[in-house]
Structure formats: structure tokens, C-alpha cells
C-alpha atoms as a PDB file:
ATOM      1  CA  MET A   1      11.925  45.629 -23.349  1.00  0.00           C
ATOM      2  CA  THR A   2      11.742  45.716 -19.545  1.00  0.00           C
ATOM      3  CA  VAL A   3      14.203  43.436 -17.742  1.00  0.00           C
ATOM      4  CA  GLN A   4      13.053  41.990 -14.444  1.00  0.00           C
ATOM      5  CA  SER A   5      15.523  40.604 -11.992  1.00  0.00           C
ATOM      6  CA  ARG A   6      15.070  38.816  -8.638  1.00  0.00           C
ATOM      7  CA  VAL A   7      16.880  39.817  -5.588  1.00  0.00           C
ATOM      8  CA  GLU A   8      17.440  37.168  -3.025  1.00  0.00           C
ATOM      9  CA  LEU A   9      17.878  38.470   0.430  1.00  0.00           C
ATOM     10  CA  PRO A  10      20.819  36.441   2.268  1.00  0.00           C
ATOM     11  CA  GLY A  11      19.431  34.346   4.853  1.00  0.00           C
ATOM     12  CA  LEU A  12      15.944  34.594   3.899  1.00  0.00           C
ATOM     13  CA  ALA A  13      13.828  31.240   4.191  1.00  0.00           C
ATOM     14  CA  LYS A  14      12.263  29.826   0.945  1.00  0.00           C
ATOM     15  CA  ILE A  15       8.320  30.258   1.019  1.00  0.00           C
ATOM     16  CA  VAL A  16       6.832  26.876   0.821  1.00  0.00           C
ATOM     17  CA  PRO A  17       3.263  26.656  -0.196  1.00  0.00           C
ATOM     18  CA  GLY A  18       1.167  25.326   2.790  1.00  0.00           C
ATOM     19  CA  TRP A  19      -0.660  21.894   2.553  1.00  0.00           C
ATOM     20  CA  ARG A  20      -4.174  22.026   1.205  1.00  0.00           C
ATOM     21  CA  ILE A  21      -6.686  19.095   1.830  1.00  0.00           C
ATOM     22  CA  ASN A  22      -7.501  17.453  -1.454  1.00  0.00           C
ATOM     23  CA  TRP A  23     -11.197  17.345  -1.316  1.00  0.00           C
ATOM     24  CA  ALA A  24     -11.464  14.857  -4.178  1.00  0.00           C
ATOM     25  CA  LEU A  25     -10.198  12.391  -1.507  1.00  0.00           C
ATOM     26  CA  VAL A  26     -12.828  13.068   1.084  1.00  0.00           C
ATOM     27  CA  PRO A  27     -15.362  10.726  -0.562  1.00  0.00           C
ATOM     28  CA  ILE A  28     -12.531   7.931  -0.308  1.00  0.00           C
ATOM     29  CA  ALA A  29     -11.882   8.678   3.440  1.00  0.00           C
ATOM     30  CA  VAL A  30     -15.508   8.883   4.302  1.00  0.00           C
ATOM     31  CA  GLY A  31     -15.885   5.353   2.389  1.00  0.00           C
ATOM     32  CA  VAL A  32     -12.736   3.788   4.365  1.00  0.00           C
ATOM     33  CA  LEU A  33     -14.113   5.019   7.830  1.00  0.00           C
ATOM     34  CA  SER A  34     -17.680   3.486   7.117  1.00  0.00           C
ATOM     35  CA  MET A  35     -16.060   0.256   6.778  1.00  0.00           C
ATOM     36  CA  VAL A  36     -13.764   0.812   9.562  1.00  0.00           C
ATOM     37  CA  ILE A  37     -16.109   1.702  12.369  1.00  0.00           C
ATOM     38  CA  PRO A  38     -18.094  -1.575  12.284  1.00  0.00           C
ATOM     39  CA  THR A  39     -15.405  -3.678  11.985  1.00  0.00           C
ATOM     40  CA  LEU A  40     -13.964  -1.992  15.062  1.00  0.00           C
ATOM     41  CA  GLN A  41     -17.161  -2.593  16.861  1.00  0.00           C
ATOM     42  CA  ARG A  42     -17.092  -6.229  16.287  1.00  0.00           C
ATOM     43  CA  VAL A  43     -13.616  -6.364  17.453  1.00  0.00           C
ATOM     44  CA  ALA A  44     -14.698  -4.234  20.765  1.00  0.00           C
ATOM     45  CA  ASN A  45     -17.574  -6.891  21.177  1.00  0.00           C
ATOM     46  CA  LYS A  46     -15.172 -10.071  20.682  1.00  0.00           C
ATOM     47  CA  SER A  47     -11.867  -9.026  22.063  1.00  0.00           C
ATOM     48  CA  TRP A  48     -11.965  -5.983  24.353  1.00  0.00           C
ATOM     49  CA  SER A  49     -14.290  -8.125  27.016  1.00  0.00           C
ATOM     50  CA  THR A  50     -11.419 -10.615  27.137  1.00  0.00           C
ATOM     51  CA  GLU A  51      -8.057 -10.708  29.084  1.00  0.00           C
ATOM     52  CA  GLN A  52      -6.385 -11.002  26.038  1.00  0.00           C
ATOM     53  CA  GLY A  53      -7.678  -7.668  24.568  1.00  0.00           C
ATOM     54  CA  ALA A  54      -8.843  -5.804  27.746  1.00  0.00           C
ATOM     55  CA  HIS A  55      -6.157  -3.517  27.000  1.00  0.00           C
ATOM     56  CA  GLY A  56      -7.924  -2.146  23.666  1.00  0.00           C
ATOM     57  CA  PRO A  57      -9.838   0.472  24.272  1.00  0.00           C
ATOM     58  CA  ILE A  58      -7.145   2.188  26.257  1.00  0.00           C
ATOM     59  CA  VAL A  59      -4.557   1.855  23.501  1.00  0.00           C
ATOM     60  CA  LEU A  60      -7.122   3.301  21.048  1.00  0.00           C
ATOM     61  CA  ALA A  61      -7.704   6.547  22.819  1.00  0.00           C
ATOM     62  CA  ILE A  62      -3.894   6.626  23.381  1.00  0.00           C
ATOM     63  CA  ALA A  63      -3.344   6.432  19.835  1.00  0.00           C
ATOM     64  CA  ILE A  64      -5.817   8.904  18.753  1.00  0.00           C
ATOM     65  CA  TRP A  65      -4.322  11.125  21.314  1.00  0.00           C
ATOM     66  CA  LEU A  66      -0.664  10.695  19.751  1.00  0.00           C
ATOM     67  CA  PHE A  67      -2.093  11.401  16.287  1.00  0.00           C
ATOM     68  CA  VAL A  68      -3.940  14.615  17.133  1.00  0.00           C
ATOM     69  CA  ARG A  69      -0.852  15.775  19.057  1.00  0.00           C
ATOM     70  CA  ARG A  70       1.366  15.170  16.148  1.00  0.00           C
ATOM     71  CA  TRP A  71      -1.083  16.653  13.405  1.00  0.00           C
ATOM     72  CA  PRO A  72       0.815  20.060  13.409  1.00  0.00           C
ATOM     73  CA  ALA A  73       3.834  18.573  12.528  1.00  0.00           C
ATOM     74  CA  ILE A  74       2.250  16.093   9.981  1.00  0.00           C
ATOM     75  CA  LYS A  75       0.813  19.552   8.284  1.00  0.00           C
ATOM     76  CA  ARG A  76       3.764  21.224   8.144  1.00  0.00           C
ATOM     77  CA  HIS A  77       5.518  17.952   6.381  1.00  0.00           C
ATOM     78  CA  ALA A  78       2.549  16.798   4.242  1.00  0.00           C
ATOM     79  CA  LEU A  79       2.632  16.721   0.574  1.00  0.00           C
ATOM     80  CA  LEU A  80      -0.032  14.751  -1.413  1.00  0.00           C
ATOM     81  CA  GLY A  81       0.925  11.197  -1.872  1.00  0.00           C
ATOM     82  CA  SER A  82       1.475   9.240  -4.989  1.00  0.00           C
ATOM     83  CA  PRO A  83      -2.093   8.108  -6.398  1.00  0.00           C
ATOM     84  CA  TRP A  84      -0.332   5.182  -7.690  1.00  0.00           C
ATOM     85  CA  LEU A  85       0.904   4.004  -4.619  1.00  0.00           C
ATOM     86  CA  GLY A  86      -1.560   5.118  -2.452  1.00  0.00           C
ATOM     87  CA  GLY A  87      -4.606   3.936  -4.839  1.00  0.00           C
ATOM     88  CA  GLY A  88      -2.730   0.514  -5.410  1.00  0.00           C
ATOM     89  CA  THR A  89      -2.389  -0.012  -1.675  1.00  0.00           C
ATOM     90  CA  LEU A  90      -5.762   1.050  -1.330  1.00  0.00           C
ATOM     91  CA  VAL A  91      -7.395  -1.510  -3.544  1.00  0.00           C
ATOM     92  CA  GLY A  92      -5.143  -4.471  -2.125  1.00  0.00           C
ATOM     93  CA  ALA A  93      -6.529  -3.642   1.357  1.00  0.00           C
ATOM     94  CA  LEU A  94     -10.098  -3.233  -0.207  1.00  0.00           C
ATOM     95  CA  LEU A  95      -9.713  -6.762  -1.551  1.00  0.00           C
ATOM     96  CA  GLY A  96      -8.216  -8.114   1.213  1.00  0.00           C
ATOM     97  CA  TYR A  97     -11.195  -7.012   3.502  1.00  0.00           C
ATOM     98  CA  THR A  98     -13.645  -8.305   0.888  1.00  0.00           C
ATOM     99  CA  ALA A  99     -11.794 -11.670   1.334  1.00  0.00           C
ATOM    100  CA  ALA A 100     -11.693 -11.618   4.972  1.00  0.00           C
ATOM    101  CA  ARG A 101     -15.566 -10.800   5.252  1.00  0.00           C
ATOM    102  CA  ILE A 102     -16.273 -13.825   3.047  1.00  0.00           C
ATOM    103  CA  VAL A 103     -14.203 -16.183   5.224  1.00  0.00           C
ATOM    104  CA  GLY A 104     -15.181 -14.494   8.468  1.00  0.00           C
ATOM    105  CA  SER A 105     -12.055 -13.661   9.844  1.00  0.00           C
ATOM    106  CA  GLU A 106     -12.169 -10.458  11.965  1.00  0.00           C
ATOM    107  CA  VAL A 107      -8.474 -10.564  12.701  1.00  0.00           C
ATOM    108  CA  LEU A 108      -7.672 -10.295   8.888  1.00  0.00           C
ATOM    109  CA  GLU A 109     -10.710  -7.922   8.410  1.00  0.00           C
ATOM    110  CA  ALA A 110      -9.169  -5.574  11.067  1.00  0.00           C
ATOM    111  CA  ALA A 111      -5.851  -5.849   9.518  1.00  0.00           C
ATOM    112  CA  ALA A 112      -7.174  -5.187   6.164  1.00  0.00           C
ATOM    113  CA  CYS A 113      -8.929  -1.976   7.892  1.00  0.00           C
ATOM    114  CA  TYR A 114      -5.650  -0.901   9.130  1.00  0.00           C
ATOM    115  CA  GLY A 115      -4.111  -1.108   5.544  1.00  0.00           C
ATOM    116  CA  ALA A 116      -6.681   0.844   4.071  1.00  0.00           C
ATOM    117  CA  LEU A 117      -6.600   3.797   6.842  1.00  0.00           C
ATOM    118  CA  CYS A 118      -2.613   3.842   6.184  1.00  0.00           C
ATOM    119  CA  ALA A 119      -3.251   4.058   2.708  1.00  0.00           C
ATOM    120  CA  THR A 120      -5.756   6.659   2.931  1.00  0.00           C
ATOM    121  CA  LEU A 121      -3.407   8.753   5.240  1.00  0.00           C
ATOM    122  CA  TYR A 122      -0.708   8.434   2.496  1.00  0.00           C
ATOM    123  CA  LEU A 123      -2.627   9.643  -0.270  1.00  0.00           C
ATOM    124  CA  PHE A 124      -3.595  13.012   1.959  1.00  0.00           C
ATOM    125  CA  VAL A 125      -0.104  13.744   3.607  1.00  0.00           C
ATOM    126  CA  GLY A 126       2.451  12.025   1.558  1.00  0.00           C
ATOM    127  CA  MET A 127       5.510  10.235   2.931  1.00  0.00           C
ATOM    128  CA  GLY A 128       6.687  13.425   4.982  1.00  0.00           C
ATOM    129  CA  GLY A 129       3.523  13.421   6.658  1.00  0.00           C
ATOM    130  CA  ILE A 130       3.658   9.571   7.404  1.00  0.00           C
ATOM    131  CA  ARG A 131       7.308  10.143   8.818  1.00  0.00           C
ATOM    132  CA  GLN A 132       6.104  12.403  11.153  1.00  0.00           C
ATOM    133  CA  ALA A 133       3.300  10.243  12.231  1.00  0.00           C
ATOM    134  CA  TRP A 134       5.151   6.830  12.550  1.00  0.00           C
ATOM    135  CA  PHE A 135       4.724   6.183  16.032  1.00  0.00           C
ATOM    136  CA  PRO A 136       1.065   6.843  16.471  1.00  0.00           C
ATOM    137  CA  ILE A 137       0.567   4.851  13.213  1.00  0.00           C
ATOM    138  CA  LEU A 138       2.490   1.755  14.506  1.00  0.00           C
ATOM    139  CA  TYR A 139       0.638   2.278  17.967  1.00  0.00           C
ATOM    140  CA  PHE A 140      -2.530   1.506  16.422  1.00  0.00           C
ATOM    141  CA  LEU A 141      -1.137  -2.094  15.949  1.00  0.00           C
ATOM    142  CA  PHE A 142      -1.572  -2.705  19.380  1.00  0.00           C
ATOM    143  CA  VAL A 143      -5.513  -2.167  18.709  1.00  0.00           C
ATOM    144  CA  LEU A 144      -5.552  -5.094  16.412  1.00  0.00           C
ATOM    145  CA  PRO A 145      -6.515  -8.474  17.744  1.00  0.00           C
ATOM    146  CA  PRO A 146      -3.394 -11.073  17.386  1.00  0.00           C
ATOM    147  CA  PRO A 147      -4.481 -14.365  15.483  1.00  0.00           C
ATOM    148  CA  GLY A 148      -5.188 -17.236  17.471  1.00  0.00           C
ATOM    149  CA  SER A 149      -2.846 -19.769  15.598  1.00  0.00           C
ATOM    150  CA  VAL A 150       0.007 -17.103  16.223  1.00  0.00           C
ATOM    151  CA  VAL A 151      -0.769 -16.963  19.536  1.00  0.00           C
ATOM    152  CA  ALA A 152      -0.348 -20.799  20.208  1.00  0.00           C
ATOM    153  CA  ALA A 153       2.584 -20.987  18.060  1.00  0.00           C
ATOM    154  CA  ALA A 154       4.355 -18.017  19.794  1.00  0.00           C
ATOM    155  CA  THR A 155       3.314 -18.736  23.476  1.00  0.00           C
ATOM    156  CA  GLN A 156       3.658 -22.664  23.580  1.00  0.00           C
ATOM    157  CA  PRO A 157       7.528 -22.981  23.525  1.00  0.00           C
ATOM    158  CA  LEU A 158       7.723 -20.028  26.134  1.00  0.00           C
ATOM    159  CA  ARG A 159       5.096 -21.937  28.176  1.00  0.00           C
ATOM    160  CA  LEU A 160       6.958 -25.036  28.118  1.00  0.00           C
ATOM    161  CA  GLN A 161      10.072 -23.334  29.285  1.00  0.00           C
ATOM    162  CA  ILE A 162       8.176 -21.510  32.232  1.00  0.00           C
ATOM    163  CA  SER A 163       6.766 -24.795  33.398  1.00  0.00           C
ATOM    164  CA  ALA A 164      10.140 -26.722  33.301  1.00  0.00           C
ATOM    165  CA  GLY A 165      12.017 -23.725  35.038  1.00  0.00           C
ATOM    166  CA  ALA A 166       9.028 -23.333  37.806  1.00  0.00           C
ATOM    167  CA  VAL A 167       9.331 -26.876  38.402  1.00  0.00           C
ATOM    168  CA  SER A 168      12.940 -27.204  38.578  1.00  0.00           C
ATOM    169  CA  LEU A 169      13.009 -24.455  40.963  1.00  0.00           C
ATOM    170  CA  LEU A 170      10.194 -25.595  43.122  1.00  0.00           C
ATOM    171  CA  SER A 171      11.815 -29.279  43.356  1.00  0.00           C
ATOM    172  CA  MET A 172      15.079 -27.606  44.530  1.00  0.00           C
ATOM    173  CA  LEU A 173      13.215 -26.184  47.552  1.00  0.00           C
ATOM    174  CA  GLY A 174      11.927 -29.675  48.256  1.00  0.00           C
ATOM    175  CA  LEU A 175       8.022 -29.295  47.269  1.00  0.00           C
ATOM    176  CA  PRO A 176       6.696 -32.512  45.678  1.00  0.00           C
ATOM    177  CA  VAL A 177       6.141 -31.328  42.327  1.00  0.00           C
ATOM    178  CA  ALA A 178       6.445 -32.659  38.583  1.00  0.00           C
ATOM    179  CA  GLN A 179       5.493 -31.676  34.994  1.00  0.00           C
ATOM    180  CA  THR A 180       4.090 -33.442  31.903  1.00  0.00           C
ATOM    181  CA  GLY A 181       4.593 -30.977  28.930  1.00  0.00           C
ATOM    182  CA  LEU A 182       2.335 -27.890  29.824  1.00  0.00           C
ATOM    183  CA  VAL A 183       1.039 -29.815  32.977  1.00  0.00           C
ATOM    184  CA  ILE A 184       2.072 -29.496  36.413  1.00  0.00           C
ATOM    185  CA  PHE A 185       1.170 -31.843  39.222  1.00  0.00           C
ATOM    186  CA  ILE A 186       1.890 -31.016  43.068  1.00  0.00           C
ATOM    187  CA  GLU A 187       0.520 -33.652  45.369  1.00  0.00           C
ATOM    188  CA  GLN A 188      -2.989 -34.537  44.131  1.00  0.00           C
ATOM    189  CA  TYR A 189      -3.334 -31.143  42.206  1.00  0.00           C
ATOM    190  CA  THR A 190      -3.019 -30.584  38.564  1.00  0.00           C
ATOM    191  CA  LEU A 191      -2.341 -27.394  37.138  1.00  0.00           C
ATOM    192  CA  GLU A 192      -2.189 -26.514  33.112  1.00  0.00           C
ATOM    193  CA  VAL A 193      -0.288 -23.709  32.037  1.00  0.00           C
ATOM    194  CA  LYS A 194      -2.339 -21.977  29.437  1.00  0.00           C
ATOM    195  CA  ALA A 195      -1.863 -19.306  26.982  1.00  0.00           C
ATOM    196  CA  ALA A 196      -2.344 -16.479  29.527  1.00  0.00           C
ATOM    197  CA  CYS A 197       0.594 -17.509  31.215  1.00  0.00           C
ATOM    198  CA  GLY A 198       2.675 -17.788  28.167  1.00  0.00           C
ATOM    199  CA  GLY A 199       3.450 -14.210  28.603  1.00  0.00           C
ATOM    200  CA  LEU A 200       1.963 -12.707  25.249  1.00  0.00           C
ATOM    201  CA  ASN A 201      -1.079 -10.889  26.956  1.00  0.00           C
ATOM    202  CA  SER A 202       1.435  -9.258  29.356  1.00  0.00           C
ATOM    203  CA  LEU A 203       4.165  -8.641  26.610  1.00  0.00           C
ATOM    204  CA  ILE A 204       1.083  -6.485  24.334  1.00  0.00           C
ATOM    205  CA  SER A 205      -0.032  -4.617  27.367  1.00  0.00           C
ATOM    206  CA  LEU A 206       3.322  -3.683  28.893  1.00  0.00           C
ATOM    207  CA  SER A 207       4.728  -2.861  25.288  1.00  0.00           C
ATOM    208  CA  ALA A 208       1.725  -0.470  24.755  1.00  0.00           C
ATOM    209  CA  ILE A 209       1.971   1.269  28.075  1.00  0.00           C
ATOM    210  CA  GLY A 210       5.709   1.073  28.128  1.00  0.00           C
ATOM    211  CA  LEU A 211       6.599   2.477  24.590  1.00  0.00           C
ATOM    212  CA  PHE A 212       3.988   4.942  25.240  1.00  0.00           C
ATOM    213  CA  TYR A 213       5.492   6.192  28.278  1.00  0.00           C
ATOM    214  CA  ALA A 214       9.154   6.337  26.819  1.00  0.00           C
ATOM    215  CA  TYR A 215       7.935   7.935  23.480  1.00  0.00           C
ATOM    216  CA  ILE A 216       6.381  10.432  25.579  1.00  0.00           C
ATOM    217  CA  ARG A 217       9.740  11.098  27.901  1.00  0.00           C
ATOM    218  CA  HIS A 218      12.334  10.945  25.457  1.00  0.00           C
ATOM    219  CA  SER A 219      10.943  12.441  22.104  1.00  0.00           C
ATOM    220  CA  GLY A 220      10.467   9.409  20.254  1.00  0.00           C
ATOM    221  CA  ASP A 221      14.025   8.131  20.039  1.00  0.00           C
ATOM    222  CA  ALA A 222      13.588   5.213  17.904  1.00  0.00           C
ATOM    223  CA  ALA A 223      16.940   3.469  19.041  1.00  0.00           C
ATOM    224  CA  TYR A 224      15.970   4.019  22.492  1.00  0.00           C
ATOM    225  CA  MET A 225      12.544   2.381  22.250  1.00  0.00           C
ATOM    226  CA  ALA A 226      13.665  -0.569  20.193  1.00  0.00           C
ATOM    227  CA  VAL A 227      15.912  -1.185  23.827  1.00  0.00           C
ATOM    228  CA  MET A 228      13.249  -0.260  26.128  1.00  0.00           C
ATOM    229  CA  PHE A 229      11.163  -3.031  23.803  1.00  0.00           C
ATOM    230  CA  CYS A 230      13.574  -5.607  24.598  1.00  0.00           C
ATOM    231  CA  ALA A 231      13.551  -4.960  28.217  1.00  0.00           C
ATOM    232  CA  ILE A 232       9.837  -5.385  28.155  1.00  0.00           C
ATOM    233  CA  VAL A 233       9.893  -8.585  26.215  1.00  0.00           C
ATOM    234  CA  VAL A 234      12.434  -9.860  29.540  1.00  0.00           C
ATOM    235  CA  MET A 235       9.890  -8.141  32.192  1.00  0.00           C
ATOM    236  CA  ALA A 236       7.085  -9.960  30.773  1.00  0.00           C
ATOM    237  CA  VAL A 237       8.543 -13.469  30.759  1.00  0.00           C
ATOM    238  CA  LEU A 238       9.974 -12.738  34.166  1.00  0.00           C
ATOM    239  CA  ALA A 239       6.597 -11.764  35.567  1.00  0.00           C
ATOM    240  CA  ASN A 240       5.043 -14.619  34.284  1.00  0.00           C
ATOM    241  CA  PHE A 241       7.286 -17.251  35.430  1.00  0.00           C
ATOM    242  CA  ILE A 242       6.686 -15.756  39.007  1.00  0.00           C
ATOM    243  CA  ARG A 243       3.184 -15.803  38.391  1.00  0.00           C
ATOM    244  CA  VAL A 244       3.312 -19.570  37.600  1.00  0.00           C
ATOM    245  CA  ILE A 245       5.461 -20.260  40.670  1.00  0.00           C
ATOM    246  CA  LEU A 246       3.028 -18.200  42.910  1.00  0.00           C
ATOM    247  CA  LEU A 247       0.126 -20.115  41.371  1.00  0.00           C
ATOM    248  CA  VAL A 248       1.500 -23.376  42.183  1.00  0.00           C
ATOM    249  CA  LEU A 249       2.468 -22.327  45.922  1.00  0.00           C
ATOM    250  CA  ILE A 250      -1.199 -20.912  46.240  1.00  0.00           C
ATOM    251  CA  THR A 251      -2.471 -24.554  44.948  1.00  0.00           C
ATOM    252  CA  TYR A 252      -0.220 -26.191  47.545  1.00  0.00           C
ATOM    253  CA  TYR A 253      -0.918 -24.348  50.438  1.00  0.00           C
ATOM    254  CA  LEU A 254      -4.603 -23.103  49.874  1.00  0.00           C
ATOM    255  CA  GLY A 255      -6.097 -25.686  47.666  1.00  0.00           C
ATOM    256  CA  ASN A 256      -7.373 -25.561  44.215  1.00  0.00           C
ATOM    257  CA  GLU A 257     -10.202 -23.099  44.799  1.00  0.00           C
ATOM    258  CA  ALA A 258      -8.410 -20.346  45.949  1.00  0.00           C
ATOM    259  CA  ALA A 259      -5.582 -20.965  43.190  1.00  0.00           C
ATOM    260  CA  GLN A 260      -8.864 -20.748  40.810  1.00  0.00           C
ATOM    261  CA  GLY A 261     -10.549 -17.672  42.470  1.00  0.00           C
ATOM    262  CA  PHE A 262      -9.811 -14.551  43.269  1.00  0.00           C
ATOM    263  CA  LEU A 263      -6.115 -15.130  44.075  1.00  0.00           C
ATOM    264  CA  HIS A 264      -5.565 -16.301  40.216  1.00  0.00           C
ATOM    265  CA  GLN A 265      -6.752 -13.032  39.049  1.00  0.00           C
ATOM    266  CA  PHE A 266      -4.721 -10.959  41.718  1.00  0.00           C
ATOM    267  CA  ALA A 267      -1.613 -13.057  41.103  1.00  0.00           C
ATOM    268  CA  GLY A 268      -1.774 -11.711  37.469  1.00  0.00           C
ATOM    269  CA  MET A 269      -2.615  -8.426  37.980  1.00  0.00           C
ATOM    270  CA  ALA A 270      -0.035  -7.903  40.787  1.00  0.00           C
ATOM    271  CA  MET A 271       2.820  -9.382  38.276  1.00  0.00           C
ATOM    272  CA  PHE A 272       1.620  -6.977  35.860  1.00  0.00           C
ATOM    273  CA  VAL A 273       2.011  -3.958  38.137  1.00  0.00           C
ATOM    274  CA  ILE A 274       5.528  -5.393  39.193  1.00  0.00           C
ATOM    275  CA  ALA A 275       6.518  -5.633  35.659  1.00  0.00           C
ATOM    276  CA  LEU A 276       5.392  -2.228  34.744  1.00  0.00           C
ATOM    277  CA  LEU A 277       7.120  -0.748  37.895  1.00  0.00           C
ATOM    278  CA  GLY A 278      10.301  -2.929  36.786  1.00  0.00           C
ATOM    279  CA  THR A 279      10.077  -1.195  33.148  1.00  0.00           C
ATOM    280  CA  MET A 280       9.673   2.342  34.488  1.00  0.00           C
ATOM    281  CA  ALA A 281      12.863   1.855  36.772  1.00  0.00           C
ATOM    282  CA  PHE A 282      14.897   0.062  33.784  1.00  0.00           C
ATOM    283  CA  ASP A 283      13.449   3.410  31.669  1.00  0.00           C
ATOM    284  CA  GLY A 284      14.922   5.542  34.596  1.00  0.00           C
ATOM    285  CA  LEU A 285      18.558   3.931  34.492  1.00  0.00           C
ATOM    286  CA  LEU A 286      18.704   3.780  30.741  1.00  0.00           C
ATOM    287  CA  GLY A 287      17.641   7.264  30.347  1.00  0.00           C
ATOM    288  CA  ARG A 288      20.408   8.336  32.465  1.00  0.00           C
ATOM    289  CA  LEU A 289      23.090   6.323  30.739  1.00  0.00           C
ATOM    290  CA  TRP A 290      21.490   6.904  27.336  1.00  0.00           C
ATOM    291  CA  HIS A 291      21.361  10.609  27.586  1.00  0.00           C
ATOM    292  CA  ARG A 292      24.860  10.777  29.327  1.00  0.00           C
ATOM    293  CA  ARG A 293      26.554   8.707  26.270  1.00  0.00           C
ATOM    294  CA  SER A 294      24.901  11.410  23.996  1.00  0.00           C
ATOM    295  CA  ILE A 295      26.425  14.338  25.424  1.00  0.00           C
ATOM    296  CA  PRO A 296      29.597  15.069  23.748  1.00  0.00           C
ATOM    297  CA  ALA A 297      32.712  15.524  25.628  1.00  0.00           C
END
């Protein structure tokens, strides 16, 4: 009888078999993509042409680039996911997709497609691969259109506070201004603070650009990006507060036609650029303090 012994060399790393595609899952992936592409086209036609969803194509391109950039790391840590967890999640997403198509809700349809994509990706690469792609996966959420009811509920209290603050500041400066709910009166003019001035549009766009900027600069530090997100919220609210004040002043000095024309769009774009520059300036300051804190004494 021959006895075989295994000699382990010191310091020799264990050889882990490489990840291989489970070709049995490919028809599932093709089916999910055939469901996602028409939904994405409907979202593009209805949402991307509006101010609220104008950032959609840029965010989609960035999200795809981020995912491709992380693909080598995803493959290194990939293992096939649990068929029970992945399959159950996929079935739930498909049921939600069917219900959304029946009731005609594009928001729920897009959310169901996102869930189906995540479940399919999990089946291919497992939780190890998902962890390596956590930021690109979350970044795809910026492509989805926010529900209208959520937008109204989230922005109305903020719009009321912005309106009250703007009226208080302008009253202190001696302007004949008053407020009733979301309506601002200045002399013979009446302005309504609509959802676009509530900060949600700026918050979504600034978050998409600012978090991408922070992710690239700071190697995906989740704690750092959480702090940056809080700063982005403050910048978006402040930018919309200044935007409302500018529109009231334009209406008072130049008339309603000027406030509702080119200057209205220009004020919004200018405030977005200022908020973006403020976010980058805050990132520069926070980055120096953050990395100085992380260096051991």
C-alpha cells in the first residue's frame, strides 16, 4: 500500500478555483433584459425629457461605467448565489412587474425591473460579487423616476419653510411681500412655489454627481460618502432658498414675464452650479480633515 502525503509550503496561498458563468442562468438573464429594455425606453420617453428626470441618461451611463470598472473585482470575489434566495427574489420582482403593468404604474414597473436585475446579478455572482459592486448597484437607483405622491409629500413641508424664510428675509429688507401657504405676494404679482423649488430635483441631481465624485476620489469610503450626502442635502436646500429669493426679486424689479422666461431657467441652473461648486469645496475641506484623522499618530 502506497501512502501519499501532502506537503504544504510555508507562505503558499491557497488556490481558489476561478469563477465561471453558469450557462443555465443565461436564458433567465436574457429574459430579464428583454423585460428591462422596454421599461427603460418608457421611462426615458416620459421622465428624461422633464426637469425632474433630465439627469437620467447621464446617471445611467455613469452607472454602467462604474459597474464595468468594478467587474474584475466582482469576478475575483464571485460565487454562485443561493438559488432559493435569488430565485425567490426574482419571482417576487416578476410578480411586482406583472402587477405594475396591469395597473399602469411606470414607477412600480421600473422598481420591479431593478429588483429583477439585482436578483439576476446575485444568482450569477453571489453576495461576494454584490459587495464588490455595492455602489454601482445603488447608483442605478438614481435612474428610477421617483413616485409623484412621494415627491409631493416630501417637498411640500420644505417648500413651506423655504417660502416662509424667503418672505421673512425680504420683509426685513423692506420689500412689500407676503405669503399664504405656497403662494408669495409682492405688490401686484403672485408667485407659487412649485415642486421644482422644493429641492428634490436639485437633491437627486446633486446627490448623483456629488456621490460619484466622492466615490472616485476617496475609493468608495462608505462613511465618508454618508457625510457627503448630508452636505449635499444642505446645499440643495440652500440653493433652492436662494433661487426663490432671486425669482421674487426678478419679479419685483423686472416683472412677471422676465421671471417666468429665460431668467427663471437661468436662476435654477445658476443655483445648481453654485451648489455643485459648494459641494466640491466642502469635499476638498472634508477630505483633508478626514484623511488627517485617519493617519495614525
